Amino acid sequence: MNARYYKYILQFKRPSGTSRGVLKTKETWFIVINDKGKEGIGECGILRTLSIDDRPDYEDKLKWVCENIHLGVDRLWRELIEFPSIQFGVEMAFKSLESESPFVLFPSEFTQGKASILINGLIWMGEKEFMKQQIEDKLKAGFNCIKMKIGAIDFDTELDLLAYIRSQFSSDTIELRVDANGAFAPSEALDKLKLLSNYQLHSIEQPIRQHQHNEMKLLCKKTSLPIALDEELIGVFDLEDKKKLLDTIRPQYIILKPSLIGGLKGTKEWIDIASSMNIGWWITSALESNIGLNAIAQFTYTLQNKMPQGLGTGALYTNNFESPLVVSQGTLTYDSQKKWEVNYLT
């Protein structure tokens, strides 16, 4: 058994705005394992400035993994505890290697094209007209759940956009989620949540920046709008620390990005803890290519969560890999008649 790794730069079709700035490219890495001529591929989807494993020794760790691939997935997962995106890539690569097809990791009605996954339509930050156009496009495309990133433009303008959506569609027709990416100051957050709640929103992701546990706990207790933790989960490795975090803050929801929180095993740990505390959850991709998105989607389907998931990012790039993943009428489907086009396996 041997392994190799590659770097790949994904190019956004249009610069995409978040409260941390505008994204034009997305760096990702692939691990390919070869065992007696059979290959498996995994994606290590790092997000610079956000991933806990955004470290100078990242590539050195990838090299170490390839040199020690014989240790196997369980031992490597433990050794990579501070590198969640590599944990995910290793899990995926071994699962791919063991599967009959390198891209059918979790065979199900989803991979057979018989079932779909409800997803939200993502609205990126930008000028008001650009955001309005995105909203109209998503509604025309059949989405029943829209997630809007807020916090980068004037707050009153964002409220106007939400008012526009609600003037066209009631909460019974369109579910609205917003993601602040930690943009609010703790002193203003509660007032802003109250204003946002006027638009019958489903939830808000990470209203204040992570690591302000007492402030977040207070917000979750007093909020008029359900709060979902996102970035707050990053960098929490130990099982007991995960339990303590959720028990302290008691959010209404948590959002799980496997590349940021310890891969599939780490995601399952969070789900088990949240479920024991009556905390809701859903899974979101973290701007991976279609290779990583495919693994996350197949895994997500096996969990049978009926809420819309955050898996609609496959069409963001000009140089993504051709895959059977198709977004249609607010769902993600797997067209088993379509072929993968991935150079790394040739």
Protein backbone atom coordinates (compact mmCIF):
# COMPACT_ATOMS: atom_id res chain seq x y z
CA MET A 1 0.00 0.00 0.00
CA ASN A 2 1.26 3.48 -0.83
CA ALA A 3 -0.19 6.99 -0.99
CA ARG A 4 0.47 10.32 -2.66
CA TYR A 5 -1.03 13.79 -2.31
CA TYR A 6 -1.84 16.70 -4.61
CA LYS A 7 -2.67 20.37 -4.25
CA TYR A 8 -5.50 21.81 -6.31
CA ILE A 9 -6.76 25.41 -6.57
CA LEU A 10 -10.48 25.80 -7.17
CA GLN A 11 -11.49 28.99 -9.00
CA PHE A 12 -14.75 30.73 -8.04
CA LYS A 13 -16.98 31.63 -10.98
CA ARG A 14 -17.66 34.91 -9.22
CA PRO A 15 -15.87 36.32 -6.16
CA SER A 16 -17.98 35.24 -3.18
CA GLY A 17 -18.42 37.52 -0.19
CA THR A 18 -18.43 36.58 3.48
CA SER A 19 -18.06 38.71 6.60
CA ARG A 20 -14.35 37.79 6.51
CA GLY A 21 -13.79 39.08 3.01
CA VAL A 22 -14.18 38.05 -0.61
CA LEU A 23 -13.14 34.59 -1.83
CA LYS A 24 -11.73 34.23 -5.34
CA THR A 25 -9.96 30.88 -4.99
CA LYS A 26 -10.16 27.89 -2.68
CA GLU A 27 -7.15 25.69 -1.96
CA THR A 28 -7.73 21.98 -1.48
CA TRP A 29 -5.62 18.82 -1.30
CA PHE A 30 -6.19 15.22 -2.37
CA ILE A 31 -4.81 12.00 -0.94
CA VAL A 32 -4.77 8.97 -3.26
CA ILE A 33 -4.12 5.52 -1.79
CA ASN A 34 -2.99 2.68 -4.03
CA ASP A 35 -3.23 -0.92 -2.88
CA LYS A 36 -2.40 -3.65 -5.41
CA GLY A 37 -3.54 -1.48 -8.31
CA LYS A 38 -6.81 -0.35 -6.68
CA GLU A 39 -7.08 3.32 -5.80
CA GLY A 40 -9.06 5.40 -3.36
CA ILE A 41 -9.26 9.19 -3.24
CA GLY A 42 -9.94 11.58 -0.37
CA GLU A 43 -10.16 15.36 -0.17
CA CYS A 44 -8.54 17.44 2.55
CA GLY A 45 -10.59 20.62 2.29
CA ILE A 46 -8.77 23.31 4.21
CA LEU A 47 -10.23 26.82 4.61
CA ARG A 48 -7.45 29.32 5.15
CA THR A 49 -7.95 31.58 8.21
CA LEU A 50 -10.88 29.43 9.43
CA SER A 51 -9.64 25.83 9.63
CA ILE A 52 -7.87 24.99 12.89
CA ASP A 53 -5.28 23.13 10.82
CA ASP A 54 -4.33 26.20 8.78
CA ARG A 55 -0.73 25.79 9.92
CA PRO A 56 2.72 26.11 8.32
CA ASP A 57 3.30 22.36 8.76
CA TYR A 58 0.12 21.33 6.90
CA GLU A 59 1.88 19.94 3.84
CA ASP A 60 4.47 18.25 6.06
CA LYS A 61 1.62 16.43 7.80
CA LEU A 62 0.19 15.31 4.45
CA LYS A 63 3.59 13.94 3.53
CA TRP A 64 3.80 12.15 6.89
CA VAL A 65 0.37 10.58 6.29
CA CYS A 66 1.44 9.25 2.91
CA GLU A 67 4.63 7.81 4.42
CA ASN A 68 2.62 6.15 7.19
CA ILE A 69 -0.51 5.12 5.31
CA HIS A 70 0.09 1.52 6.43
CA LEU A 71 -1.03 2.52 9.95
CA GLY A 72 -4.64 2.37 8.76
CA VAL A 73 -7.58 4.71 9.09
CA ASP A 74 -8.27 4.36 12.84
CA ARG A 75 -4.69 4.91 13.98
CA LEU A 76 -4.18 7.77 11.52
CA TRP A 77 -7.44 9.45 12.63
CA ARG A 78 -6.17 9.50 16.23
CA GLU A 79 -2.73 10.76 15.19
CA LEU A 80 -4.34 13.55 13.13
CA ILE A 81 -6.55 14.92 15.91
CA GLU A 82 -5.28 18.49 15.33
CA PHE A 83 -5.74 18.20 11.55
CA PRO A 84 -9.50 17.67 11.01
CA SER A 85 -9.42 18.28 7.26
CA ILE A 86 -6.75 15.59 6.85
CA GLN A 87 -8.73 13.28 9.12
CA PHE A 88 -11.62 13.66 6.70
CA GLY A 89 -9.43 13.11 3.64
CA VAL A 90 -7.95 9.94 5.13
CA GLU A 91 -11.37 8.57 6.12
CA MET A 92 -12.66 9.27 2.62
CA ALA A 93 -9.64 7.77 0.87
CA PHE A 94 -9.83 4.49 2.82
CA LYS A 95 -13.60 4.30 2.32
CA SER A 96 -13.06 4.92 -1.40
CA LEU A 97 -10.36 2.23 -1.53
CA GLU A 98 -12.63 -0.34 0.14
CA SER A 99 -15.64 0.40 -2.08
CA GLU A 100 -16.53 -1.30 -5.34
CA SER A 101 -16.56 2.12 -6.99
CA PRO A 102 -14.12 4.82 -5.75
CA PHE A 103 -16.97 7.36 -5.63
CA VAL A 104 -19.79 5.27 -4.16
CA LEU A 105 -18.70 5.32 -0.53
CA PHE A 106 -22.06 4.77 1.13
CA PRO A 107 -24.32 2.78 -1.23
CA SER A 108 -27.96 3.77 -0.75
CA GLU A 109 -31.08 4.84 -2.59
CA PHE A 110 -29.34 8.21 -2.94
CA THR A 111 -26.41 6.77 -4.93
CA GLN A 112 -28.87 4.69 -6.95
CA GLY A 113 -30.63 7.88 -8.01
CA LYS A 114 -33.85 6.87 -6.27
CA ALA A 115 -33.76 9.43 -3.44
CA SER A 116 -32.64 13.02 -2.97
CA ILE A 117 -31.44 15.30 -0.16
CA LEU A 118 -33.23 18.56 0.63
CA ILE A 119 -30.74 21.45 0.56
CA ASN A 120 -30.77 25.19 1.14
CA GLY A 121 -30.02 27.73 -1.56
CA LEU A 122 -27.02 29.87 -0.58
CA ILE A 123 -27.09 33.65 -1.03
CA TRP A 124 -23.63 35.24 -0.96
CA MET A 125 -22.91 38.71 0.39
CA GLY A 126 -22.57 41.55 -2.07
CA GLU A 127 -24.28 44.69 -3.33
CA LYS A 128 -28.03 44.83 -2.71
CA GLU A 129 -28.99 44.23 -6.33
CA PHE A 130 -26.63 41.25 -6.62
CA MET A 131 -28.09 39.69 -3.49
CA LYS A 132 -31.63 40.38 -4.67
CA GLN A 133 -30.85 38.73 -8.01
CA GLN A 134 -29.46 35.67 -6.25
CA ILE A 135 -32.61 35.42 -4.14
CA GLU A 136 -34.85 35.60 -7.20
CA ASP A 137 -32.73 32.98 -8.99
CA LYS A 138 -32.94 30.57 -6.05
CA LEU A 139 -36.70 30.99 -5.75
CA LYS A 140 -37.15 30.37 -9.48
CA ALA A 141 -34.92 27.29 -9.17
CA GLY A 142 -37.40 25.73 -6.76
CA PHE A 143 -35.66 26.14 -3.41
CA ASN A 144 -37.93 26.05 -0.37
CA CYS A 145 -35.10 26.96 2.01
CA ILE A 146 -32.75 29.90 1.52
CA LYS A 147 -29.66 30.71 3.55
CA MET A 148 -28.45 34.29 3.35
CA LYS A 149 -25.04 35.41 4.54
CA ILE A 150 -25.28 38.69 6.45
CA GLY A 151 -22.90 40.99 8.28
CA ALA A 152 -20.84 42.48 5.47
CA ILE A 153 -23.15 45.21 4.17
CA ASP A 154 -25.36 47.72 5.98
CA PHE A 155 -27.66 45.92 8.43
CA ASP A 156 -30.71 47.96 7.40
CA THR A 157 -30.10 46.93 3.78
CA GLU A 158 -30.02 43.29 4.88
CA LEU A 159 -33.31 43.76 6.71
CA ASP A 160 -34.76 45.26 3.52
CA LEU A 161 -33.73 42.15 1.60
CA LEU A 162 -35.40 39.91 4.16
CA ALA A 163 -38.49 42.11 4.03
CA TYR A 164 -38.50 41.75 0.24
CA ILE A 165 -38.44 37.95 0.48
CA ARG A 166 -41.21 37.92 3.06
CA SER A 167 -43.32 40.29 0.95
CA GLN A 168 -43.22 37.66 -1.78
CA PHE A 169 -43.26 34.44 0.25
CA SER A 170 -44.59 33.53 3.69
CA SER A 171 -42.67 31.40 6.18
CA ASP A 172 -44.97 28.50 5.25
CA THR A 173 -43.64 28.68 1.68
CA ILE A 174 -39.97 29.62 2.11
CA GLU A 175 -37.75 28.79 5.09
CA LEU A 176 -35.17 31.52 5.70
CA ARG A 177 -31.86 31.01 7.45
CA VAL A 178 -29.19 33.65 7.97
CA ASP A 179 -25.49 33.25 8.70
CA ALA A 180 -23.68 36.09 10.43
CA ASN A 181 -20.28 34.35 10.58
CA GLY A 182 -19.69 36.06 13.92
CA ALA A 183 -20.25 39.57 12.55
CA PHE A 184 -22.22 41.02 15.51
CA ALA A 185 -20.70 42.53 18.62
CA PRO A 186 -22.05 40.89 21.81
CA SER A 187 -23.39 44.25 23.00
CA GLU A 188 -25.62 44.66 19.93
CA ALA A 189 -26.42 41.04 19.13
CA LEU A 190 -29.62 40.63 21.16
CA ASP A 191 -31.20 43.77 19.63
CA LYS A 192 -30.26 42.65 16.13
CA LEU A 193 -31.68 39.17 16.75
CA LYS A 194 -34.95 40.77 17.83
CA LEU A 195 -35.13 42.80 14.62
CA LEU A 196 -34.28 39.73 12.52
CA SER A 197 -36.98 37.68 14.25
CA ASN A 198 -39.63 39.97 12.70
CA TYR A 199 -39.07 38.13 9.41
CA GLN A 200 -39.98 34.66 10.70
CA LEU A 201 -36.49 33.24 10.23
CA HIS A 202 -35.69 29.62 10.93
CA SER A 203 -32.37 30.37 12.62
CA ILE A 204 -29.18 32.42 12.64
CA GLU A 205 -25.71 30.88 12.47
CA GLN A 206 -22.97 32.13 14.76
CA PRO A 207 -24.24 35.67 15.54
CA ILE A 208 -21.08 36.53 17.52
CA ARG A 209 -17.53 35.29 17.12
CA GLN A 210 -16.56 31.99 18.70
CA HIS A 211 -14.86 31.55 22.10
CA GLN A 212 -17.24 33.94 23.87
CA HIS A 213 -19.04 31.16 25.69
CA ASN A 214 -20.72 33.18 28.42
CA GLU A 215 -22.02 35.75 25.93
CA MET A 216 -23.21 33.01 23.56
CA LYS A 217 -24.88 31.14 26.41
CA LEU A 218 -26.79 34.30 27.36
CA LEU A 219 -27.81 34.90 23.76
CA CYS A 220 -29.11 31.35 23.36
CA LYS A 221 -31.09 31.70 26.57
CA LYS A 222 -32.65 35.09 25.75
CA THR A 223 -32.90 34.99 21.96
CA SER A 224 -36.15 35.43 20.09
CA LEU A 225 -34.50 33.66 17.14
CA PRO A 226 -33.03 30.12 17.25
CA ILE A 227 -29.23 30.14 17.22
CA ALA A 228 -27.01 27.60 15.46
CA LEU A 229 -23.37 27.17 16.43
CA ASP A 230 -20.96 26.79 13.54
CA GLU A 231 -17.42 28.15 13.98
CA GLU A 232 -17.84 27.53 17.72
CA LEU A 233 -17.27 23.81 17.14
CA ILE A 234 -13.91 24.26 15.39
CA GLY A 235 -10.86 23.22 17.41
CA VAL A 236 -12.79 21.28 20.04
CA PHE A 237 -11.13 17.86 19.82
CA ASP A 238 -11.84 16.01 23.07
CA LEU A 239 -15.17 14.24 23.55
CA GLU A 240 -15.62 15.63 27.07
CA ASP A 241 -14.83 19.14 25.84
CA LYS A 242 -17.53 18.77 23.18
CA LYS A 243 -20.05 17.74 25.82
CA LYS A 244 -19.02 20.64 28.07
CA LEU A 245 -19.34 23.18 25.26
CA LEU A 246 -22.88 22.16 24.29
CA ASP A 247 -23.96 21.76 27.90
CA THR A 248 -22.67 25.24 28.70
CA ILE A 249 -24.08 27.14 25.73
CA ARG A 250 -27.20 25.04 25.03
CA PRO A 251 -27.76 26.28 21.47
CA GLN A 252 -30.92 25.47 19.55
CA TYR A 253 -28.89 23.93 16.69
CA ILE A 254 -25.36 23.00 15.66
CA ILE A 255 -24.00 22.99 12.11
CA LEU A 256 -21.52 20.32 11.15
CA LYS A 257 -18.77 20.69 8.56
CA PRO A 258 -16.76 17.44 8.48
CA SER A 259 -13.62 19.09 7.06
CA LEU A 260 -13.51 21.48 10.02
CA ILE A 261 -14.52 19.23 12.94
CA GLY A 262 -12.78 15.88 12.58
CA GLY A 263 -14.22 14.22 9.52
CA LEU A 264 -17.08 11.74 9.58
CA LYS A 265 -16.20 10.28 12.97
CA GLY A 266 -15.91 13.72 14.54
CA THR A 267 -19.23 14.74 12.99
CA LYS A 268 -20.94 11.64 14.41
CA GLU A 269 -19.58 12.42 17.86
CA TRP A 270 -21.14 15.90 17.76
CA ILE A 271 -24.46 14.46 16.51
CA ASP A 272 -24.62 11.91 19.31
CA ILE A 273 -23.93 14.54 21.97
CA ALA A 274 -26.39 17.04 20.49
CA SER A 275 -29.11 14.42 20.19
CA SER A 276 -28.70 13.50 23.86
CA MET A 277 -29.33 17.17 24.74
CA ASN A 278 -32.25 17.71 22.38
CA ILE A 279 -30.16 20.04 20.19
CA GLY A 280 -30.98 20.02 16.48
CA TRP A 281 -28.35 19.73 13.76
CA TRP A 282 -27.67 19.72 10.05
CA ILE A 283 -24.62 19.12 7.88
CA THR A 284 -22.92 21.60 5.58
CA SER A 285 -20.08 21.30 3.11
CA ALA A 286 -17.12 23.67 3.55
CA LEU A 287 -16.50 24.65 -0.07
CA GLU A 288 -14.95 21.31 -1.00
CA SER A 289 -14.75 20.20 -4.62
CA ASN A 290 -17.35 17.72 -5.87
CA ILE A 291 -15.13 14.91 -4.57
CA GLY A 292 -15.45 15.99 -0.95
CA LEU A 293 -19.04 17.13 -1.42
CA ASN A 294 -19.91 13.69 -2.76
CA ALA A 295 -18.59 11.95 0.36
CA ILE A 296 -20.38 14.38 2.68
CA ALA A 297 -23.66 14.05 0.78
CA GLN A 298 -23.60 10.24 0.77
CA PHE A 299 -22.77 10.16 4.49
CA THR A 300 -25.48 12.73 5.22
CA TYR A 301 -28.13 10.68 3.43
CA THR A 302 -27.42 7.68 5.67
CA LEU A 303 -28.28 9.79 8.74
CA GLN A 304 -31.82 10.47 7.46
CA ASN A 305 -32.10 14.03 8.76
CA LYS A 306 -35.16 15.51 7.05
CA MET A 307 -34.09 19.16 7.46
CA PRO A 308 -32.57 20.96 4.45
CA GLN A 309 -28.80 20.43 4.49
CA GLY A 310 -26.07 22.83 3.29
CA LEU A 311 -24.80 20.83 0.33
CA GLY A 312 -25.39 23.06 -2.69
CA THR A 313 -21.88 24.38 -3.29
CA GLY A 314 -20.82 22.18 -6.21
CA ALA A 315 -21.57 24.77 -8.89
CA LEU A 316 -19.42 27.55 -7.41
CA TYR A 317 -16.24 26.80 -9.36
CA THR A 318 -15.09 27.03 -12.96
CA ASN A 319 -12.74 24.06 -12.59
CA ASN A 320 -14.69 21.65 -10.41
CA PHE A 321 -14.74 17.96 -11.37
CA GLU A 322 -17.58 16.62 -13.49
CA SER A 323 -19.70 14.39 -11.28
CA PRO A 324 -23.13 12.77 -10.99
CA LEU A 325 -24.19 15.31 -8.33
CA VAL A 326 -27.09 17.41 -9.61
CA VAL A 327 -29.00 20.25 -7.91
CA SER A 328 -32.63 20.31 -8.97
CA GLN A 329 -35.74 21.88 -7.41
CA GLY A 330 -34.04 22.53 -4.08
CA THR A 331 -32.61 19.04 -3.76
CA LEU A 332 -29.29 17.31 -4.35
CA THR A 333 -29.54 14.14 -6.41
CA TYR A 334 -27.07 11.58 -7.72
CA ASP A 335 -27.51 10.82 -11.41
CA SER A 336 -26.01 7.33 -11.61
CA GLN A 337 -25.93 7.58 -15.42
CA LYS A 338 -23.41 10.43 -15.27
CA LYS A 339 -19.70 9.71 -15.11
CA TRP A 340 -16.97 11.17 -12.96
CA GLU A 341 -14.13 12.99 -14.68
CA VAL A 342 -11.17 13.08 -12.30
CA ASN A 343 -7.62 13.18 -13.57
CA TYR A 344 -6.07 11.99 -10.31
CA LEU A 345 -7.16 8.40 -10.79
CA THR A 346 -5.52 8.01 -14.23
